[in-house]
Amino acid sequence: MTDEAPTQNDQIEELSQKVRAWVGSESGRKVIEQVVTEAVKAQLELMKARRIDPQSLNKPVNL
């Protein structure tokens, strides 16, 4: 009998099973919901920061 170290595929499979279980859990869903909410807020802030005041386009540019 040999004690073989887990292969990379075995490790990936084990990790993917753990991730699927976590995502399906109540705590996983709560964390994902919170992250999505924060991402939407950040996106809205970014969109607001990118807006250009149309009046500023009428001002002369000094070089």
PDB file of N, CA and C in Angstrom:
ATOM      1  N   MET A   1       0.829  -1.174   0.000  1.00  0.00           N
ATOM      2  CA  MET A   1       0.000   0.000   0.000  1.00  0.00           C
ATOM      3  C   MET A   1       0.881   1.246   0.000  1.00  0.00           C
ATOM      4  N   THR A   2       0.547   2.185  -0.854  1.00  0.00           N
ATOM      5  CA  THR A   2       1.331   3.416  -0.900  1.00  0.00           C
ATOM      6  C   THR A   2       0.452   4.574  -0.469  1.00  0.00           C
ATOM      7  N   ASP A   3       1.060   5.505   0.210  1.00  0.00           N
ATOM      8  CA  ASP A   3       0.352   6.725   0.609  1.00  0.00           C
ATOM      9  C   ASP A   3       0.651   7.792  -0.427  1.00  0.00           C
ATOM     10  N   GLU A   4      -0.271   7.918  -1.353  1.00  0.00           N
ATOM     11  CA  GLU A   4      -0.080   8.913  -2.397  1.00  0.00           C
ATOM     12  C   GLU A   4      -0.642  10.250  -1.939  1.00  0.00           C
ATOM     13  N   ALA A   5       0.091  11.291  -2.262  1.00  0.00           N
ATOM     14  CA  ALA A   5      -0.405  12.634  -1.968  1.00  0.00           C
ATOM     15  C   ALA A   5      -1.573  12.919  -2.906  1.00  0.00           C
ATOM     16  N   PRO A   6      -2.536  13.689  -2.439  1.00  0.00           N
ATOM     17  CA  PRO A   6      -3.662  14.011  -3.324  1.00  0.00           C
ATOM     18  C   PRO A   6      -3.172  14.763  -4.555  1.00  0.00           C
ATOM     19  N   THR A   7      -3.740  14.413  -5.685  1.00  0.00           N
ATOM     20  CA  THR A   7      -3.354  15.085  -6.913  1.00  0.00           C
ATOM     21  C   THR A   7      -4.001  16.460  -6.957  1.00  0.00           C
ATOM     22  N   GLN A   8      -3.542  17.257  -7.886  1.00  0.00           N
ATOM     23  CA  GLN A   8      -4.099  18.598  -8.036  1.00  0.00           C
ATOM     24  C   GLN A   8      -5.589  18.513  -8.373  1.00  0.00           C
ATOM     25  N   ASN A   9      -5.971  17.572  -9.200  1.00  0.00           N
ATOM     26  CA  ASN A   9      -7.383  17.410  -9.545  1.00  0.00           C
ATOM     27  C   ASN A   9      -8.210  17.044  -8.321  1.00  0.00           C
ATOM     28  N   ASP A  10      -7.659  16.190  -7.455  1.00  0.00           N
ATOM     29  CA  ASP A  10      -8.352  15.823  -6.219  1.00  0.00           C
ATOM     30  C   ASP A  10      -8.534  17.053  -5.327  1.00  0.00           C
ATOM     31  N   GLN A  11      -7.502  17.852  -5.234  1.00  0.00           N
ATOM     32  CA  GLN A  11      -7.563  19.060  -4.412  1.00  0.00           C
ATOM     33  C   GLN A  11      -8.592  20.047  -4.973  1.00  0.00           C
ATOM     34  N   ILE A  12      -8.615  20.176  -6.291  1.00  0.00           N
ATOM     35  CA  ILE A  12      -9.578  21.071  -6.928  1.00  0.00           C
ATOM     36  C   ILE A  12     -10.994  20.574  -6.684  1.00  0.00           C
ATOM     37  N   GLU A  13     -11.204  19.283  -6.818  1.00  0.00           N
ATOM     38  CA  GLU A  13     -12.532  18.706  -6.592  1.00  0.00           C
ATOM     39  C   GLU A  13     -12.979  18.920  -5.154  1.00  0.00           C
ATOM     40  N   GLU A  14     -12.082  18.705  -4.204  1.00  0.00           N
ATOM     41  CA  GLU A  14     -12.413  18.890  -2.790  1.00  0.00           C
ATOM     42  C   GLU A  14     -12.756  20.352  -2.509  1.00  0.00           C
ATOM     43  N   LEU A  15     -11.957  21.259  -3.043  1.00  0.00           N
ATOM     44  CA  LEU A  15     -12.204  22.679  -2.839  1.00  0.00           C
ATOM     45  C   LEU A  15     -13.524  23.102  -3.480  1.00  0.00           C
ATOM     46  N   SER A  16     -13.808  22.608  -4.680  1.00  0.00           N
ATOM     47  CA  SER A  16     -15.056  22.988  -5.343  1.00  0.00           C
ATOM     48  C   SER A  16     -16.270  22.472  -4.567  1.00  0.00           C
ATOM     49  N   GLN A  17     -16.165  21.298  -3.964  1.00  0.00           N
ATOM     50  CA  GLN A  17     -17.268  20.777  -3.144  1.00  0.00           C
ATOM     51  C   GLN A  17     -17.484  21.654  -1.914  1.00  0.00           C
ATOM     52  N   LYS A  18     -16.390  22.088  -1.295  1.00  0.00           N
ATOM     53  CA  LYS A  18     -16.497  22.965  -0.130  1.00  0.00           C
ATOM     54  C   LYS A  18     -17.119  24.297  -0.504  1.00  0.00           C
ATOM     55  N   VAL A  19     -16.714  24.837  -1.659  1.00  0.00           N
ATOM     56  CA  VAL A  19     -17.250  26.126  -2.110  1.00  0.00           C
ATOM     57  C   VAL A  19     -18.740  26.000  -2.418  1.00  0.00           C
ATOM     58  N   ARG A  20     -19.122  24.922  -3.112  1.00  0.00           N
ATOM     59  CA  ARG A  20     -20.547  24.720  -3.415  1.00  0.00           C
ATOM     60  C   ARG A  20     -21.367  24.625  -2.131  1.00  0.00           C
ATOM     61  N   ALA A  21     -20.849  23.923  -1.142  1.00  0.00           N
ATOM     62  CA  ALA A  21     -21.560  23.782   0.130  1.00  0.00           C
ATOM     63  C   ALA A  21     -21.686  25.142   0.824  1.00  0.00           C
ATOM     64  N   TRP A  22     -20.615  25.932   0.791  1.00  0.00           N
ATOM     65  CA  TRP A  22     -20.638  27.246   1.437  1.00  0.00           C
ATOM     66  C   TRP A  22     -21.601  28.185   0.718  1.00  0.00           C
ATOM     67  N   VAL A  23     -21.558  28.196  -0.606  1.00  0.00           N
ATOM     68  CA  VAL A  23     -22.452  29.069  -1.371  1.00  0.00           C
ATOM     69  C   VAL A  23     -23.907  28.699  -1.120  1.00  0.00           C
ATOM     70  N   GLY A  24     -24.187  27.436  -0.941  1.00  0.00           N
ATOM     71  CA  GLY A  24     -25.548  26.985  -0.691  1.00  0.00           C
ATOM     72  C   GLY A  24     -26.003  27.186   0.740  1.00  0.00           C
ATOM     73  N   SER A  25     -25.068  27.485   1.629  1.00  0.00           N
ATOM     74  CA  SER A  25     -25.434  27.657   3.036  1.00  0.00           C
ATOM     75  C   SER A  25     -26.039  29.040   3.274  1.00  0.00           C
ATOM     76  N   GLU A  26     -26.715  29.178   4.384  1.00  0.00           N
ATOM     77  CA  GLU A  26     -27.337  30.459   4.731  1.00  0.00           C
ATOM     78  C   GLU A  26     -26.286  31.548   4.913  1.00  0.00           C
ATOM     79  N   SER A  27     -25.197  31.220   5.599  1.00  0.00           N
ATOM     80  CA  SER A  27     -24.154  32.230   5.819  1.00  0.00           C
ATOM     81  C   SER A  27     -23.482  32.621   4.502  1.00  0.00           C
ATOM     82  N   GLY A  28     -23.293  31.666   3.611  1.00  0.00           N
ATOM     83  CA  GLY A  28     -22.702  31.967   2.312  1.00  0.00           C
ATOM     84  C   GLY A  28     -23.586  32.883   1.497  1.00  0.00           C
ATOM     85  N   ARG A  29     -24.877  32.598   1.509  1.00  0.00           N
ATOM     86  CA  ARG A  29     -25.816  33.444   0.763  1.00  0.00           C
ATOM     87  C   ARG A  29     -25.855  34.862   1.329  1.00  0.00           C
ATOM     88  N   LYS A  30     -25.789  34.977   2.652  1.00  0.00           N
ATOM     89  CA  LYS A  30     -25.793  36.304   3.271  1.00  0.00           C
ATOM     90  C   LYS A  30     -24.553  37.089   2.875  1.00  0.00           C
ATOM     91  N   VAL A  31     -23.401  36.434   2.900  1.00  0.00           N
ATOM     92  CA  VAL A  31     -22.161  37.118   2.540  1.00  0.00           C
ATOM     93  C   VAL A  31     -22.200  37.543   1.074  1.00  0.00           C
ATOM     94  N   ILE A  32     -22.662  36.684   0.211  1.00  0.00           N
ATOM     95  CA  ILE A  32     -22.732  37.009  -1.217  1.00  0.00           C
ATOM     96  C   ILE A  32     -23.701  38.170  -1.443  1.00  0.00           C
ATOM     97  N   GLU A  33     -24.829  38.143  -0.766  1.00  0.00           N
ATOM     98  CA  GLU A  33     -25.796  39.239  -0.898  1.00  0.00           C
ATOM     99  C   GLU A  33     -25.183  40.558  -0.446  1.00  0.00           C
ATOM    100  N   GLN A  34     -24.443  40.523   0.653  1.00  0.00           N
ATOM    101  CA  GLN A  34     -23.801  41.736   1.166  1.00  0.00           C
ATOM    102  C   GLN A  34     -22.752  42.251   0.184  1.00  0.00           C
ATOM    103  N   VAL A  35     -21.970  41.357  -0.382  1.00  0.00           N
ATOM    104  CA  VAL A  35     -20.933  41.758  -1.329  1.00  0.00           C
ATOM    105  C   VAL A  35     -21.554  42.358  -2.587  1.00  0.00           C
ATOM    106  N   VAL A  36     -22.631  41.760  -3.062  1.00  0.00           N
ATOM    107  CA  VAL A  36     -23.309  42.288  -4.253  1.00  0.00           C
ATOM    108  C   VAL A  36     -23.860  43.681  -3.956  1.00  0.00           C
ATOM    109  N   THR A  37     -24.454  43.862  -2.784  1.00  0.00           N
ATOM    110  CA  THR A  37     -24.986  45.168  -2.404  1.00  0.00           C
ATOM    111  C   THR A  37     -23.876  46.214  -2.365  1.00  0.00           C
ATOM    112  N   GLU A  38     -22.747  45.867  -1.773  1.00  0.00           N
ATOM    113  CA  GLU A  38     -21.619  46.796  -1.715  1.00  0.00           C
ATOM    114  C   GLU A  38     -21.072  47.096  -3.109  1.00  0.00           C
ATOM    115  N   ALA A  39     -21.047  46.103  -3.977  1.00  0.00           N
ATOM    116  CA  ALA A  39     -20.559  46.306  -5.342  1.00  0.00           C
ATOM    117  C   ALA A  39     -21.480  47.249  -6.112  1.00  0.00           C
ATOM    118  N   VAL A  40     -22.781  47.099  -5.923  1.00  0.00           N
ATOM    119  CA  VAL A  40     -23.734  47.989  -6.595  1.00  0.00           C
ATOM    120  C   VAL A  40     -23.555  49.416  -6.093  1.00  0.00           C
ATOM    121  N   LYS A  41     -23.388  49.588  -4.787  1.00  0.00           N
ATOM    122  CA  LYS A  41     -23.160  50.922  -4.231  1.00  0.00           C
ATOM    123  C   LYS A  41     -21.884  51.535  -4.796  1.00  0.00           C
ATOM    124  N   ALA A  42     -20.819  50.744  -4.869  1.00  0.00           N
ATOM    125  CA  ALA A  42     -19.559  51.244  -5.406  1.00  0.00           C
ATOM    126  C   ALA A  42     -19.708  51.634  -6.873  1.00  0.00           C
ATOM    127  N   GLN A  43     -20.457  50.845  -7.621  1.00  0.00           N
ATOM    128  CA  GLN A  43     -20.678  51.146  -9.032  1.00  0.00           C
ATOM    129  C   GLN A  43     -21.465  52.454  -9.182  1.00  0.00           C
ATOM    130  N   LEU A  44     -22.477  52.649  -8.351  1.00  0.00           N
ATOM    131  CA  LEU A  44     -23.252  53.888  -8.407  1.00  0.00           C
ATOM    132  C   LEU A  44     -22.392  55.102  -8.048  1.00  0.00           C
ATOM    133  N   GLU A  45     -21.524  54.952  -7.058  1.00  0.00           N
ATOM    134  CA  GLU A  45     -20.617  56.040  -6.683  1.00  0.00           C
ATOM    135  C   GLU A  45     -19.661  56.353  -7.828  1.00  0.00           C
ATOM    136  N   LEU A  46     -19.166  55.335  -8.480  1.00  0.00           N
ATOM    137  CA  LEU A  46     -18.258  55.528  -9.604  1.00  0.00           C
ATOM    138  C   LEU A  46     -18.969  56.240 -10.754  1.00  0.00           C
ATOM    139  N   MET A  47     -20.184  55.817 -11.043  1.00  0.00           N
ATOM    140  CA  MET A  47     -20.950  56.469 -12.107  1.00  0.00           C
ATOM    141  C   MET A  47     -21.192  57.943 -11.775  1.00  0.00           C
ATOM    142  N   LYS A  48     -21.496  58.220 -10.506  1.00  0.00           N
ATOM    143  CA  LYS A  48     -21.716  59.604 -10.079  1.00  0.00           C
ATOM    144  C   LYS A  48     -20.432  60.419 -10.208  1.00  0.00           C
ATOM    145  N   ALA A  49     -19.307  59.832  -9.830  1.00  0.00           N
ATOM    146  CA  ALA A  49     -18.027  60.537  -9.907  1.00  0.00           C
ATOM    147  C   ALA A  49     -17.606  60.800 -11.352  1.00  0.00           C
ATOM    148  N   ARG A  50     -18.059  59.978 -12.271  1.00  0.00           N
ATOM    149  CA  ARG A  50     -17.686  60.134 -13.681  1.00  0.00           C
ATOM    150  C   ARG A  50     -18.548  61.162 -14.408  1.00  0.00           C
ATOM    151  N   ARG A  51     -19.660  61.535 -13.807  1.00  0.00           N
ATOM    152  CA  ARG A  51     -20.545  62.514 -14.456  1.00  0.00           C
ATOM    153  C   ARG A  51     -19.838  63.848 -14.599  1.00  0.00           C
ATOM    154  N   ILE A  52     -20.064  64.471 -15.720  1.00  0.00           N
ATOM    155  CA  ILE A  52     -19.474  65.776 -15.988  1.00  0.00           C
ATOM    156  C   ILE A  52     -20.583  66.819 -15.908  1.00  0.00           C
ATOM    157  N   ASP A  53     -20.299  67.874 -15.192  1.00  0.00           N
ATOM    158  CA  ASP A  53     -21.252  68.979 -15.113  1.00  0.00           C
ATOM    159  C   ASP A  53     -21.256  69.681 -16.466  1.00  0.00           C
ATOM    160  N   PRO A  54     -22.378  69.701 -17.152  1.00  0.00           N
ATOM    161  CA  PRO A  54     -22.417  70.324 -18.480  1.00  0.00           C
ATOM    162  C   PRO A  54     -21.982  71.792 -18.460  1.00  0.00           C
ATOM    163  N   GLN A  55     -22.220  72.489 -17.370  1.00  0.00           N
ATOM    164  CA  GLN A  55     -21.812  73.897 -17.279  1.00  0.00           C
ATOM    165  C   GLN A  55     -20.293  74.045 -17.294  1.00  0.00           C
ATOM    166  N   SER A  56     -19.591  73.048 -16.808  1.00  0.00           N
ATOM    167  CA  SER A  56     -18.127  73.145 -16.786  1.00  0.00           C
ATOM    168  C   SER A  56     -17.543  73.091 -18.195  1.00  0.00           C
ATOM    169  N   LEU A  57     -18.310  72.604 -19.144  1.00  0.00           N
ATOM    170  CA  LEU A  57     -17.832  72.541 -20.526  1.00  0.00           C
ATOM    171  C   LEU A  57     -17.850  73.914 -21.185  1.00  0.00           C
ATOM    172  N   ASN A  58     -18.573  74.858 -20.609  1.00  0.00           N
ATOM    173  CA  ASN A  58     -18.635  76.208 -21.158  1.00  0.00           C
ATOM    174  C   ASN A  58     -17.502  77.101 -20.656  1.00  0.00           C
ATOM    175  N   LYS A  59     -16.776  76.653 -19.666  1.00  0.00           N
ATOM    176  CA  LYS A  59     -15.695  77.456 -19.098  1.00  0.00           C
ATOM    177  C   LYS A  59     -14.454  77.362 -19.985  1.00  0.00           C
ATOM    178  N   PRO A  60     -13.725  78.476 -20.111  1.00  0.00           N
ATOM    179  CA  PRO A  60     -12.505  78.441 -20.922  1.00  0.00           C
ATOM    180  C   PRO A  60     -11.420  77.595 -20.238  1.00  0.00           C
ATOM    181  N   VAL A  61     -10.591  76.989 -21.036  1.00  0.00           N
ATOM    182  CA  VAL A  61      -9.507  76.159 -20.534  1.00  0.00           C
ATOM    183  C   VAL A  61      -8.215  76.970 -20.630  1.00  0.00           C
ATOM    184  N   ASN A  62      -7.539  77.119 -19.527  1.00  0.00           N
ATOM    185  CA  ASN A  62      -6.241  77.834 -19.534  1.00  0.00           C
ATOM    186  C   ASN A  62      -5.120  76.822 -19.632  1.00  0.00           C
ATOM    187  N   LEU A  63      -4.284  77.034 -20.613  1.00  0.00           N
ATOM    188  CA  LEU A  63      -3.143  76.126 -20.787  1.00  0.00           C
ATOM    189  C   LEU A  63      -1.908  76.714 -20.250  1.00  0.00           C
TER     190      LEU A  63
END
